[in-house]
Amino acid sequence: MWRFCVCVGIISLLHCTFSAAQHRSYLRLVEQEFSGVLPLDILLQALASLLLTLVAIVNVCGNFKEIRALDDLKHKSIATIANRPSFYCFNHRGRLL
């Protein structure tokens, strides 16, 4: 069921983008300036479909796993934790002196 909700939400989001583009082209045809705000029905549909898609995707993914940083850091010393070899700089002026 949640996979179906994901599909419906994405199709609804695509419909919102098409409706917004149609609204912009309508404003050009009647020679009105775009005020920067879309009609309320497009905004509500976009918000509802985004919410539906997010909830459905979270439910499709299943349960989240807990991230435990202490399990990884138990067996490491402070020297290996603070070691950052990407910050080493070997191209310096010391070898030219």
N, C-alpha and C. Protein backbone atom coordinates (compact mmCIF):
# COMPACT_ATOMS: atom_id res chain seq x y z
N MET A 1 0.81 -1.19 0.00
CA MET A 1 0.00 0.00 0.00
C MET A 1 0.86 1.26 0.00
N TRP A 2 1.97 1.23 0.75
CA TRP A 2 2.80 2.43 0.84
C TRP A 2 3.51 2.72 -0.47
N ARG A 3 3.85 1.67 -1.20
CA ARG A 3 4.48 1.89 -2.51
C ARG A 3 3.50 2.56 -3.47
N PHE A 4 2.24 2.19 -3.38
CA PHE A 4 1.21 2.84 -4.18
C PHE A 4 1.09 4.31 -3.79
N CYS A 5 1.17 4.60 -2.49
CA CYS A 5 1.10 6.00 -2.03
C CYS A 5 2.30 6.80 -2.53
N VAL A 6 3.48 6.17 -2.60
CA VAL A 6 4.65 6.86 -3.15
C VAL A 6 4.40 7.22 -4.60
N CYS A 7 3.87 6.28 -5.37
CA CYS A 7 3.59 6.55 -6.79
C CYS A 7 2.55 7.64 -6.95
N VAL A 8 1.48 7.59 -6.15
CA VAL A 8 0.44 8.61 -6.23
C VAL A 8 1.00 9.98 -5.84
N GLY A 9 1.83 10.03 -4.81
CA GLY A 9 2.41 11.29 -4.38
C GLY A 9 3.33 11.89 -5.43
N ILE A 10 4.13 11.07 -6.08
CA ILE A 10 5.05 11.58 -7.11
C ILE A 10 4.26 12.04 -8.34
N ILE A 11 3.24 11.28 -8.71
CA ILE A 11 2.40 11.71 -9.84
C ILE A 11 1.69 13.02 -9.51
N SER A 12 1.24 13.16 -8.28
CA SER A 12 0.58 14.40 -7.87
C SER A 12 1.56 15.57 -7.87
N LEU A 13 2.80 15.33 -7.47
CA LEU A 13 3.81 16.39 -7.53
C LEU A 13 4.10 16.80 -8.97
N LEU A 14 4.15 15.83 -9.86
CA LEU A 14 4.35 16.14 -11.28
C LEU A 14 3.16 16.93 -11.83
N HIS A 15 1.96 16.59 -11.37
CA HIS A 15 0.78 17.34 -11.80
C HIS A 15 0.84 18.78 -11.29
N CYS A 16 1.36 18.98 -10.09
CA CYS A 16 1.51 20.34 -9.55
C CYS A 16 2.48 21.16 -10.40
N THR A 17 3.57 20.56 -10.82
CA THR A 17 4.51 21.30 -11.65
C THR A 17 3.90 21.64 -13.00
N PHE A 18 3.14 20.71 -13.56
CA PHE A 18 2.47 20.98 -14.83
C PHE A 18 1.43 22.09 -14.66
N SER A 19 0.68 22.07 -13.55
CA SER A 19 -0.32 23.10 -13.29
C SER A 19 0.33 24.47 -13.10
N ALA A 20 1.47 24.50 -12.43
CA ALA A 20 2.17 25.78 -12.23
C ALA A 20 2.67 26.32 -13.56
N ALA A 21 3.18 25.45 -14.42
CA ALA A 21 3.64 25.90 -15.73
C ALA A 21 2.47 26.40 -16.57
N GLN A 22 1.34 25.72 -16.50
CA GLN A 22 0.15 26.16 -17.23
C GLN A 22 -0.35 27.50 -16.71
N HIS A 23 -0.27 27.70 -15.41
CA HIS A 23 -0.69 28.99 -14.83
C HIS A 23 0.21 30.12 -15.31
N ARG A 24 1.51 29.86 -15.36
CA ARG A 24 2.43 30.89 -15.87
C ARG A 24 2.17 31.22 -17.33
N SER A 25 1.89 30.20 -18.14
CA SER A 25 1.62 30.47 -19.55
C SER A 25 0.28 31.19 -19.72
N TYR A 26 -0.70 30.90 -18.85
CA TYR A 26 -1.97 31.61 -18.89
C TYR A 26 -1.77 33.09 -18.56
N LEU A 27 -0.93 33.36 -17.57
CA LEU A 27 -0.67 34.76 -17.21
C LEU A 27 0.02 35.50 -18.35
N ARG A 28 0.88 34.81 -19.09
CA ARG A 28 1.51 35.45 -20.25
C ARG A 28 0.49 35.74 -21.34
N LEU A 29 -0.46 34.83 -21.54
CA LEU A 29 -1.48 35.02 -22.58
C LEU A 29 -2.40 36.20 -22.29
N VAL A 30 -2.76 36.38 -21.03
CA VAL A 30 -3.64 37.50 -20.67
C VAL A 30 -2.84 38.75 -20.32
N GLU A 31 -1.53 38.69 -20.52
CA GLU A 31 -0.61 39.81 -20.33
C GLU A 31 -0.66 40.37 -18.92
N GLN A 32 -0.69 39.47 -17.95
CA GLN A 32 -0.59 39.86 -16.55
C GLN A 32 0.80 39.49 -16.04
N GLU A 33 1.26 40.25 -15.07
CA GLU A 33 2.59 39.98 -14.51
C GLU A 33 2.47 38.93 -13.42
N PHE A 34 3.47 38.05 -13.35
CA PHE A 34 3.48 37.01 -12.32
C PHE A 34 3.86 37.65 -11.00
N SER A 35 2.99 37.51 -10.00
CA SER A 35 3.22 38.17 -8.70
C SER A 35 4.13 37.35 -7.78
N GLY A 36 4.50 36.16 -8.19
CA GLY A 36 5.39 35.33 -7.38
C GLY A 36 4.66 34.33 -6.51
N VAL A 37 3.32 34.37 -6.50
CA VAL A 37 2.54 33.45 -5.68
C VAL A 37 1.62 32.65 -6.60
N LEU A 38 1.67 31.35 -6.45
CA LEU A 38 0.79 30.47 -7.22
C LEU A 38 -0.59 30.43 -6.58
N PRO A 39 -1.60 30.01 -7.32
CA PRO A 39 -2.93 29.88 -6.73
C PRO A 39 -2.94 28.90 -5.56
N LEU A 40 -3.92 29.11 -4.68
CA LEU A 40 -3.97 28.34 -3.45
C LEU A 40 -4.19 26.85 -3.70
N ASP A 41 -4.96 26.49 -4.71
CA ASP A 41 -5.21 25.07 -4.96
C ASP A 41 -3.94 24.33 -5.39
N ILE A 42 -3.08 25.00 -6.15
CA ILE A 42 -1.81 24.38 -6.55
C ILE A 42 -0.89 24.23 -5.34
N LEU A 43 -0.85 25.24 -4.50
CA LEU A 43 0.00 25.17 -3.31
C LEU A 43 -0.47 24.08 -2.35
N LEU A 44 -1.77 23.98 -2.13
CA LEU A 44 -2.28 22.96 -1.22
C LEU A 44 -2.06 21.55 -1.78
N GLN A 45 -2.24 21.39 -3.08
CA GLN A 45 -1.99 20.08 -3.68
C GLN A 45 -0.52 19.71 -3.59
N ALA A 46 0.36 20.68 -3.81
CA ALA A 46 1.79 20.41 -3.72
C ALA A 46 2.19 20.04 -2.29
N LEU A 47 1.65 20.75 -1.31
CA LEU A 47 1.97 20.46 0.08
C LEU A 47 1.44 19.09 0.50
N ALA A 48 0.20 18.78 0.11
CA ALA A 48 -0.39 17.49 0.47
C ALA A 48 0.35 16.33 -0.21
N SER A 49 0.70 16.51 -1.48
CA SER A 49 1.40 15.42 -2.18
C SER A 49 2.82 15.25 -1.66
N LEU A 50 3.48 16.34 -1.28
CA LEU A 50 4.81 16.22 -0.69
C LEU A 50 4.74 15.49 0.65
N LEU A 51 3.76 15.84 1.46
CA LEU A 51 3.60 15.17 2.75
C LEU A 51 3.28 13.69 2.57
N LEU A 52 2.39 13.38 1.63
CA LEU A 52 2.06 11.98 1.36
C LEU A 52 3.28 11.21 0.89
N THR A 53 4.07 11.80 0.00
CA THR A 53 5.26 11.13 -0.52
C THR A 53 6.28 10.89 0.59
N LEU A 54 6.51 11.88 1.43
CA LEU A 54 7.49 11.72 2.51
C LEU A 54 7.07 10.64 3.50
N VAL A 55 5.81 10.65 3.91
CA VAL A 55 5.34 9.64 4.87
C VAL A 55 5.40 8.25 4.26
N ALA A 56 5.02 8.14 3.00
CA ALA A 56 5.04 6.83 2.33
C ALA A 56 6.46 6.31 2.17
N ILE A 57 7.40 7.19 1.82
CA ILE A 57 8.80 6.76 1.66
C ILE A 57 9.38 6.29 2.99
N VAL A 58 9.06 7.01 4.06
CA VAL A 58 9.56 6.59 5.38
C VAL A 58 8.98 5.23 5.76
N ASN A 59 7.73 4.98 5.44
CA ASN A 59 7.13 3.68 5.77
C ASN A 59 7.60 2.57 4.85
N VAL A 60 7.96 2.88 3.61
CA VAL A 60 8.48 1.85 2.71
C VAL A 60 9.86 1.41 3.16
N CYS A 61 10.66 2.34 3.66
CA CYS A 61 12.03 2.02 4.07
C CYS A 61 12.08 1.07 5.26
N GLY A 62 11.08 1.06 6.09
CA GLY A 62 11.08 0.16 7.24
C GLY A 62 11.64 0.86 8.47
N ASN A 63 12.02 0.05 9.43
CA ASN A 63 12.54 0.60 10.69
C ASN A 63 13.95 1.12 10.50
N PHE A 64 14.24 2.21 11.19
CA PHE A 64 15.57 2.79 11.15
C PHE A 64 16.47 2.05 12.14
N LYS A 65 17.74 1.98 11.82
CA LYS A 65 18.71 1.37 12.72
C LYS A 65 19.31 2.46 13.59
N GLU A 66 19.59 2.10 14.81
CA GLU A 66 20.18 3.05 15.73
C GLU A 66 21.67 3.19 15.44
N ILE A 67 22.15 4.41 15.45
CA ILE A 67 23.57 4.68 15.21
C ILE A 67 24.26 4.79 16.56
N ARG A 68 25.19 3.92 16.79
CA ARG A 68 25.91 3.93 18.06
C ARG A 68 27.37 4.26 17.80
N ALA A 69 27.75 5.46 18.12
CA ALA A 69 29.12 5.90 17.89
C ALA A 69 30.08 5.28 18.90
N LEU A 70 29.59 5.01 20.09
CA LEU A 70 30.48 4.47 21.13
C LEU A 70 30.97 3.07 20.80
N ASP A 71 30.19 2.29 20.08
CA ASP A 71 30.65 0.94 19.70
C ASP A 71 31.86 1.00 18.79
N ASP A 72 31.90 1.98 17.90
CA ASP A 72 33.05 2.12 17.01
C ASP A 72 34.26 2.70 17.72
N LEU A 73 34.03 3.55 18.70
CA LEU A 73 35.14 4.23 19.36
C LEU A 73 35.70 3.47 20.55
N LYS A 74 35.09 2.37 20.95
CA LYS A 74 35.55 1.61 22.12
C LYS A 74 36.97 1.10 21.96
N HIS A 75 37.29 0.60 20.79
CA HIS A 75 38.57 -0.08 20.58
C HIS A 75 39.64 0.83 20.00
N LYS A 76 39.39 2.11 19.90
CA LYS A 76 40.37 3.04 19.33
C LYS A 76 40.97 3.90 20.43
N SER A 77 42.25 4.22 20.26
CA SER A 77 42.90 5.11 21.22
C SER A 77 42.71 6.55 20.77
N ILE A 78 43.06 7.48 21.62
CA ILE A 78 42.90 8.89 21.29
C ILE A 78 43.85 9.30 20.16
N ALA A 79 44.98 8.59 20.02
CA ALA A 79 45.92 8.90 18.94
C ALA A 79 45.33 8.55 17.58
N THR A 80 44.60 7.46 17.50
CA THR A 80 44.01 7.10 16.21
C THR A 80 42.75 7.90 15.91
N ILE A 81 42.06 8.37 16.93
CA ILE A 81 40.87 9.19 16.69
C ILE A 81 41.26 10.56 16.18
N ALA A 82 42.29 11.16 16.77
CA ALA A 82 42.70 12.51 16.39
C ALA A 82 43.60 12.53 15.17
N ASN A 83 43.99 11.38 14.64
CA ASN A 83 44.87 11.31 13.49
C ASN A 83 44.09 11.64 12.22
N ARG A 84 44.51 12.67 11.52
CA ARG A 84 43.86 13.08 10.27
C ARG A 84 44.90 13.20 9.17
N PRO A 85 45.19 12.13 8.47
CA PRO A 85 46.24 12.17 7.45
C PRO A 85 45.88 13.06 6.26
N SER A 86 44.64 13.40 6.08
CA SER A 86 44.29 14.27 4.96
C SER A 86 44.76 15.71 5.20
N PHE A 87 45.10 16.04 6.44
CA PHE A 87 45.59 17.38 6.73
C PHE A 87 47.11 17.48 6.71
N TYR A 88 47.80 16.37 6.44
CA TYR A 88 49.25 16.42 6.36
C TYR A 88 49.66 17.23 5.14
N CYS A 89 50.71 18.03 5.29
CA CYS A 89 51.19 18.85 4.18
C CYS A 89 52.68 18.55 3.98
N PHE A 90 53.03 17.94 2.87
CA PHE A 90 54.41 17.60 2.60
C PHE A 90 55.06 18.56 1.61
N ASN A 91 54.29 19.39 0.97
CA ASN A 91 54.83 20.37 0.03
C ASN A 91 54.96 21.72 0.73
N HIS A 92 56.06 21.90 1.44
CA HIS A 92 56.28 23.16 2.13
C HIS A 92 57.68 23.66 1.82
N ARG A 93 57.99 24.83 2.27
CA ARG A 93 59.27 25.44 1.89
C ARG A 93 60.45 24.90 2.69
N GLY A 94 60.23 24.01 3.63
CA GLY A 94 61.30 23.48 4.46
C GLY A 94 62.34 22.70 3.68
N ARG A 95 61.97 22.03 2.62
CA ARG A 95 62.97 21.26 1.88
C ARG A 95 63.83 22.15 1.00
N LEU A 96 63.41 23.36 0.72
CA LEU A 96 64.22 24.27 -0.08
C LEU A 96 65.28 24.99 0.75
N LEU A 97 65.12 25.03 2.04
CA LEU A 97 66.06 25.75 2.91
C LEU A 97 67.31 24.97 3.20
